[in-house]
Amino acid sequence: MSLTHHIRYPWKFEINPHFQQLVEHHHNWLFSTGFASTELAYRRIKDAQIVEFTAWCWPNGSYEDLTLIIDWLTCHFALDDWLDGDMGHFPQTELANYILNHLAPNLDNPTWKPGTLLMGIETTIFESWQRMKKLPPPVFVAFAQEWKNWTEGCRWEVRIRQDGFIPSQEEYLRFRKWSSGSHICFLLSDYTYGLVDESGLVWQTLSQHPIIQRLEQLVDMMLTVVNDSFSSAKEHSNVNLVRILEHQGKSGQALQDRLMVQHDQALVEFLELESNLSEIFTAEAELNWARLKVKSWRQLLRASFEWTRQNRRYAVGMAASTSTSKGFEAVA
């Protein structure tokens, strides 16, 4: 059994009702900004299925909010792909240095003058960042911090690729949650699901609750197993969870089974904690907040899996396994 057939999430899959409008917006935006300067560039971006990813992750977001998110994610995915291609073979080359040490730290600097190393689309990336400032202040402040975390996570990946060093799984997961950009998606889920109060104080306090923090760790683990498993062929030279387990002597059946076990253990604990929320959060307002938070994570997990499974970026998944693990059946 492959991971594609093994992983099932026991909750309904949703899609944003503005999907077709978002497709039209993205098409027009790509050509108006110069992102789709060639047919090949346009096809690569369309194959990334950014609109599908957005509509699946945030089914309750408004059209205005999701156009903002789609435009930014297109920029983010482009930067991430450039770094994957550059750092995977030539760590700390001119392009990686430019993105991590010149472009990324200066997006919030109004006096910064975009360069042209990225085929001239730096201006579009810079303008998309400025538009993200339309987010409520607590959300944008958190977004800017997560962007810094992403940059630091990518720098960490540069270092370990340069050194040829395979980190421990614990260290890898600690940094991977930054370089994957998953926490930016968590933040956007909090925003679109209405979890951020006007001052941001209640949101920040509840987000630090030990049970919420543990649930977040479990979601991180599940997302990492799925993404790294399906991207292992695409990014063979990169360090990821598959490479770490291989370095520990696991391969073939043992590797597949280990990944399934890690995913299933995280999912079982996630479901158990979800079922006990009413015993953990006794105040009605806090309980409702926690339930909505978990709902946003459920949607993100299901959407991320469907996107990864269907995306041409991850055309080659893990090799087949004969694992006896049963997985979880999805609710139609």
Protein backbone atom coordinates (compact mmCIF):
# COMPACT_ATOMS: atom_id res chain seq x y z
CA MET A 1 0.00 0.00 0.00
CA SER A 2 1.32 3.45 -0.91
CA LEU A 3 0.84 6.56 1.20
CA THR A 4 -1.57 7.81 -1.47
CA HIS A 5 -3.94 4.96 -0.68
CA HIS A 6 -3.16 4.77 3.01
CA ILE A 7 -3.85 8.28 4.24
CA ARG A 8 -7.50 9.12 4.81
CA TYR A 9 -8.94 11.94 6.90
CA PRO A 10 -12.33 11.38 8.56
CA TRP A 11 -13.98 14.68 7.73
CA LYS A 12 -15.77 16.34 4.89
CA PHE A 13 -13.87 18.05 2.09
CA GLU A 14 -15.02 21.57 1.20
CA ILE A 15 -14.25 24.11 -1.52
CA ASN A 16 -14.71 27.86 -1.57
CA PRO A 17 -17.85 28.94 -3.50
CA HIS A 18 -15.83 31.67 -5.28
CA PHE A 19 -13.56 29.14 -6.97
CA GLN A 20 -14.39 30.00 -10.61
CA GLN A 21 -14.07 33.72 -9.94
CA LEU A 22 -10.70 33.08 -8.30
CA VAL A 23 -9.52 31.13 -11.34
CA GLU A 24 -10.38 34.10 -13.56
CA HIS A 25 -8.71 36.55 -11.19
CA HIS A 26 -5.49 34.52 -11.07
CA HIS A 27 -5.35 34.18 -14.86
CA ASN A 28 -5.70 37.94 -15.33
CA TRP A 29 -3.27 38.73 -12.52
CA LEU A 30 -0.55 36.46 -13.93
CA PHE A 31 -0.57 38.25 -17.28
CA SER A 32 -1.05 41.78 -15.96
CA THR A 33 1.92 41.48 -13.57
CA GLY A 34 4.29 39.75 -15.97
CA PHE A 35 4.45 36.58 -13.90
CA ALA A 36 3.28 34.67 -16.99
CA SER A 37 5.85 36.20 -19.30
CA THR A 38 6.10 32.98 -21.34
CA GLU A 39 3.83 30.03 -22.04
CA LEU A 40 6.20 27.82 -20.02
CA ALA A 41 6.07 30.17 -17.03
CA TYR A 42 2.28 30.28 -17.20
CA ARG A 43 2.02 26.49 -17.40
CA ARG A 44 4.37 25.96 -14.45
CA ILE A 45 2.31 28.28 -12.28
CA LYS A 46 -1.00 26.75 -13.36
CA ASP A 47 0.38 23.26 -12.72
CA ALA A 48 1.13 24.34 -9.15
CA GLN A 49 -2.66 24.61 -8.63
CA ILE A 50 -2.40 27.58 -6.30
CA VAL A 51 -6.05 28.54 -6.81
CA GLU A 52 -7.18 25.02 -5.96
CA PHE A 53 -4.96 24.97 -2.89
CA THR A 54 -6.37 28.29 -1.69
CA ALA A 55 -10.02 27.41 -2.36
CA TRP A 56 -9.60 24.07 -0.56
CA CYS A 57 -7.69 25.40 2.46
CA TRP A 58 -9.99 28.36 3.14
CA PRO A 59 -13.51 27.42 1.99
CA ASN A 60 -15.13 30.16 4.06
CA GLY A 61 -12.86 33.05 2.99
CA SER A 62 -14.26 36.02 1.11
CA TYR A 63 -13.42 36.63 -2.55
CA GLU A 64 -11.46 39.77 -1.61
CA ASP A 65 -9.40 37.97 1.03
CA LEU A 66 -8.64 34.99 -1.18
CA THR A 67 -7.48 37.10 -4.13
CA LEU A 68 -5.03 38.72 -1.74
CA ILE A 69 -3.88 35.30 -0.50
CA ILE A 70 -3.63 33.77 -3.98
CA ASP A 71 -1.47 36.60 -5.28
CA TRP A 72 0.86 36.35 -2.31
CA LEU A 73 1.08 32.54 -2.41
CA THR A 74 2.02 32.73 -6.09
CA CYS A 75 4.96 34.93 -5.10
CA HIS A 76 5.84 32.69 -2.16
CA PHE A 77 5.69 29.48 -4.21
CA ALA A 78 7.86 31.05 -6.90
CA LEU A 79 10.52 32.02 -4.36
CA ASP A 80 10.34 28.58 -2.76
CA ASP A 81 10.79 26.85 -6.12
CA TRP A 82 13.74 29.05 -7.02
CA LEU A 83 15.36 28.19 -3.70
CA ASP A 84 14.68 24.47 -4.11
CA GLY A 85 16.28 24.44 -7.52
CA ASP A 86 19.19 26.65 -6.53
CA MET A 87 20.02 25.38 -3.07
CA GLY A 88 19.48 21.74 -3.94
CA HIS A 89 22.58 21.75 -6.12
CA PHE A 90 24.59 24.87 -5.40
CA PRO A 91 23.99 26.09 -1.83
CA GLN A 92 24.69 29.75 -1.18
CA THR A 93 24.90 30.69 -4.85
CA GLU A 94 24.08 34.19 -6.02
CA LEU A 95 20.36 33.48 -6.35
CA ALA A 96 19.94 31.97 -2.86
CA ASN A 97 21.89 34.84 -1.33
CA TYR A 98 19.83 37.36 -3.25
CA ILE A 99 16.48 35.93 -2.12
CA LEU A 100 17.40 35.28 1.52
CA ASN A 101 19.70 38.20 2.25
CA HIS A 102 18.52 40.96 -0.09
CA LEU A 103 14.92 40.46 -1.19
CA ALA A 104 13.19 38.73 1.74
CA PRO A 105 14.44 41.04 4.53
CA ASN A 106 13.56 44.19 2.57
CA LEU A 107 9.96 43.59 1.54
CA ASP A 108 8.76 45.80 4.39
CA ASN A 109 11.30 48.52 3.61
CA PRO A 110 9.50 51.30 1.65
CA THR A 111 12.82 52.69 0.37
CA TRP A 112 14.03 49.36 -1.04
CA LYS A 113 14.56 49.26 -4.79
CA PRO A 114 13.68 45.84 -6.29
CA GLY A 115 16.32 44.29 -8.51
CA THR A 116 15.95 42.19 -11.65
CA LEU A 117 17.68 38.89 -10.86
CA LEU A 118 14.32 37.08 -10.67
CA MET A 119 13.36 37.94 -14.23
CA GLY A 120 12.12 41.33 -13.09
CA ILE A 121 9.17 40.14 -11.01
CA GLU A 122 10.65 41.47 -7.77
CA THR A 123 8.42 44.53 -8.13
CA THR A 124 5.32 42.30 -8.21
CA ILE A 125 6.52 40.44 -5.10
CA PHE A 126 7.18 43.74 -3.36
CA GLU A 127 3.75 45.11 -4.33
CA SER A 128 2.01 41.90 -3.18
CA TRP A 129 3.70 42.27 0.19
CA GLN A 130 2.44 45.84 0.47
CA ARG A 131 -1.10 44.65 -0.31
CA MET A 132 -0.86 42.11 2.52
CA LYS A 133 -0.81 45.12 4.83
CA LYS A 134 -4.57 45.29 4.22
CA LEU A 135 -4.83 42.46 6.75
CA PRO A 136 -5.89 43.55 10.26
CA PRO A 137 -2.85 44.80 12.24
CA PRO A 138 -2.51 41.77 14.57
CA VAL A 139 -2.66 39.44 11.57
CA PHE A 140 -0.12 41.36 9.50
CA VAL A 141 2.30 41.63 12.44
CA ALA A 142 2.10 37.85 12.87
CA PHE A 143 2.40 37.37 9.10
CA ALA A 144 5.58 39.47 8.99
CA GLN A 145 7.04 37.39 11.81
CA GLU A 146 6.18 34.13 10.06
CA TRP A 147 7.88 35.48 6.93
CA LYS A 148 11.03 36.08 8.97
CA ASN A 149 10.72 32.54 10.33
CA TRP A 150 10.42 31.19 6.77
CA THR A 151 13.57 33.05 5.77
CA GLU A 152 15.44 31.68 8.78
CA GLY A 153 14.21 28.15 8.05
CA CYS A 154 15.49 28.43 4.48
CA ARG A 155 18.86 29.67 5.73
CA TRP A 156 18.99 26.60 7.95
CA GLU A 157 18.34 24.40 4.91
CA VAL A 158 21.19 26.15 3.08
CA ARG A 159 23.55 25.33 5.94
CA ILE A 160 22.68 21.66 6.23
CA ARG A 161 22.90 21.20 2.46
CA GLN A 162 26.29 22.89 2.42
CA ASP A 163 27.57 20.74 5.26
CA GLY A 164 26.01 17.54 3.94
CA PHE A 165 24.67 17.12 7.47
CA ILE A 166 21.60 15.01 8.18
CA PRO A 167 19.98 16.47 11.31
CA SER A 168 18.00 14.55 13.87
CA GLN A 169 14.31 14.21 13.15
CA GLU A 170 13.53 16.50 16.09
CA GLU A 171 15.77 19.27 14.78
CA TYR A 172 14.42 18.83 11.28
CA LEU A 173 10.79 19.13 12.37
CA ARG A 174 11.61 22.22 14.44
CA PHE A 175 12.96 24.10 11.43
CA ARG A 176 10.79 22.49 8.76
CA LYS A 177 7.65 24.06 10.20
CA TRP A 178 9.23 27.39 9.21
CA SER A 179 10.76 26.60 5.83
CA SER A 180 7.64 24.74 4.64
CA GLY A 181 5.50 27.85 5.05
CA SER A 182 2.84 25.79 6.85
CA HIS A 183 2.61 28.28 9.71
CA ILE A 184 1.80 31.06 7.28
CA CYS A 185 -1.12 28.87 6.19
CA PHE A 186 -2.10 28.35 9.86
CA LEU A 187 -2.16 32.11 10.30
CA LEU A 188 -4.29 32.66 7.21
CA SER A 189 -6.69 29.98 8.49
CA ASP A 190 -7.02 31.84 11.79
CA TYR A 191 -7.84 35.00 9.86
CA THR A 192 -10.36 33.55 7.39
CA TYR A 193 -12.11 31.55 10.13
CA GLY A 194 -12.55 34.68 12.25
CA LEU A 195 -10.35 33.50 15.12
CA VAL A 196 -8.47 36.78 15.48
CA ASP A 197 -10.09 39.35 17.75
CA GLU A 198 -9.63 43.07 17.08
CA SER A 199 -6.73 43.52 19.48
CA GLY A 200 -5.31 40.06 18.92
CA LEU A 201 -4.89 39.48 22.67
CA VAL A 202 -7.48 36.71 23.05
CA TRP A 203 -6.21 35.03 19.88
CA GLN A 204 -2.61 35.13 21.08
CA THR A 205 -3.50 33.87 24.56
CA LEU A 206 -5.60 30.93 23.39
CA SER A 207 -3.06 30.04 20.70
CA GLN A 208 -0.49 29.50 23.45
CA HIS A 209 -2.69 27.06 25.39
CA PRO A 210 -0.71 23.79 25.86
CA ILE A 211 -3.39 21.68 24.17
CA ILE A 212 -3.60 24.04 21.18
CA GLN A 213 0.19 23.96 20.96
CA ARG A 214 0.19 20.17 21.02
CA LEU A 215 -2.48 19.98 18.34
CA GLU A 216 -0.38 22.31 16.21
CA GLN A 217 2.63 20.01 16.61
CA LEU A 218 0.55 17.04 15.50
CA VAL A 219 -0.70 18.91 12.43
CA ASP A 220 2.90 19.86 11.64
CA MET A 221 3.91 16.21 11.80
CA MET A 222 1.09 15.02 9.52
CA LEU A 223 1.72 17.76 6.97
CA THR A 224 5.45 16.98 6.98
CA VAL A 225 4.95 13.24 6.42
CA VAL A 226 2.64 13.86 3.49
CA ASN A 227 4.69 16.60 1.85
CA ASP A 228 8.08 14.97 2.32
CA SER A 229 6.87 11.55 1.21
CA PHE A 230 5.46 12.81 -2.06
CA SER A 231 8.25 15.30 -2.72
CA SER A 232 11.11 12.86 -2.08
CA ALA A 233 11.40 11.99 -5.78
CA LYS A 234 11.03 15.64 -6.84
CA GLU A 235 13.72 16.82 -4.43
CA HIS A 236 15.97 13.79 -4.19
CA SER A 237 19.06 15.81 -3.34
CA ASN A 238 17.35 17.72 -0.55
CA VAL A 239 17.25 16.85 3.11
CA ASN A 240 13.78 15.82 4.20
CA LEU A 241 12.11 13.29 6.48
CA VAL A 242 12.56 10.48 3.96
CA ARG A 243 16.29 11.17 3.63
CA ILE A 244 16.69 11.27 7.42
CA LEU A 245 15.01 7.90 7.88
CA GLU A 246 17.12 6.46 5.05
CA HIS A 247 20.21 7.75 6.82
CA GLN A 248 19.05 5.87 9.92
CA GLY A 249 19.10 2.65 7.93
CA LYS A 250 15.45 2.44 6.92
CA SER A 251 14.44 1.75 3.35
CA GLY A 252 11.69 0.16 1.29
CA GLN A 253 9.06 -1.51 3.43
CA ALA A 254 10.56 -0.35 6.73
CA LEU A 255 10.72 3.25 5.57
CA GLN A 256 7.14 3.21 4.30
CA ASP A 257 5.83 1.62 7.48
CA ARG A 258 7.70 4.08 9.69
CA LEU A 259 6.17 7.04 7.88
CA MET A 260 2.70 5.52 8.14
CA VAL A 261 3.15 4.86 11.85
CA GLN A 262 4.30 8.43 12.51
CA HIS A 263 1.37 9.84 10.59
CA ASP A 264 -1.22 7.55 12.21
CA GLN A 265 0.05 8.13 15.74
CA ALA A 266 -0.27 11.87 15.21
CA LEU A 267 -3.77 11.51 13.72
CA VAL A 268 -5.02 9.28 16.55
CA GLU A 269 -3.78 11.73 19.18
CA PHE A 270 -5.26 14.66 17.23
CA LEU A 271 -8.69 12.99 17.16
CA GLU A 272 -8.49 12.09 20.85
CA LEU A 273 -7.64 15.65 21.87
CA GLU A 274 -10.40 16.99 19.63
CA SER A 275 -12.96 14.72 21.31
CA ASN A 276 -11.89 16.03 24.75
CA LEU A 277 -12.03 19.76 23.97
CA SER A 278 -15.19 20.28 26.05
CA GLU A 279 -13.39 18.90 29.11
CA ILE A 280 -10.33 21.10 28.52
CA PHE A 281 -12.05 24.40 27.69
CA THR A 282 -14.87 24.97 30.16
CA ALA A 283 -15.72 28.54 29.15
CA GLU A 284 -18.16 28.51 26.21
CA ALA A 285 -16.39 31.24 24.23
CA GLU A 286 -13.03 29.50 24.56
CA LEU A 287 -14.52 26.12 23.64
CA ASN A 288 -16.14 27.55 20.51
CA TRP A 289 -12.84 29.16 19.56
CA ALA A 290 -10.94 25.90 20.07
CA ARG A 291 -13.46 23.91 18.03
CA LEU A 292 -13.24 26.37 15.15
CA LYS A 293 -9.46 26.29 15.35
CA VAL A 294 -9.48 22.49 15.07
CA LYS A 295 -11.95 22.70 12.19
CA SER A 296 -9.57 24.99 10.31
CA TRP A 297 -6.75 22.48 10.85
CA ARG A 298 -8.92 19.60 9.66
CA GLN A 299 -9.65 21.44 6.43
CA LEU A 300 -6.00 22.38 5.97
CA LEU A 301 -4.87 18.78 6.44
CA ARG A 302 -7.41 17.40 4.00
CA ALA A 303 -6.80 20.18 1.47
CA SER A 304 -3.02 19.88 1.66
CA PHE A 305 -3.19 16.13 1.12
CA GLU A 306 -5.54 16.41 -1.86
CA TRP A 307 -3.40 19.16 -3.35
CA THR A 308 -0.17 17.20 -2.89
CA ARG A 309 -1.71 13.99 -4.23
CA GLN A 310 -3.10 15.63 -7.37
CA ASN A 311 -0.29 18.11 -8.06
CA ARG A 312 2.12 17.55 -10.93
CA ARG A 313 4.87 18.92 -8.71
CA TYR A 314 4.60 15.67 -6.77
CA ALA A 315 3.90 13.35 -9.69
CA VAL A 316 6.00 10.54 -8.27
CA GLY A 317 5.01 9.51 -4.76
CA MET A 318 6.40 6.92 -2.44
CA ALA A 319 7.01 3.38 -3.64
CA ALA A 320 4.31 0.82 -2.94
CA SER A 321 4.23 -0.87 0.43
CA THR A 322 2.47 -3.93 1.79
CA SER A 323 1.90 -2.35 5.18
CA THR A 324 -1.03 -3.78 7.13
CA SER A 325 -1.92 -0.40 8.64
CA LYS A 326 -5.59 0.30 7.93
CA GLY A 327 -5.55 4.09 7.83
CA PHE A 328 -8.75 6.14 8.14
CA GLU A 329 -11.68 6.25 5.83
CA ALA A 330 -12.80 9.65 4.53
CA VAL A 331 -16.28 10.99 4.97
CA ALA A 332 -17.76 11.85 1.59
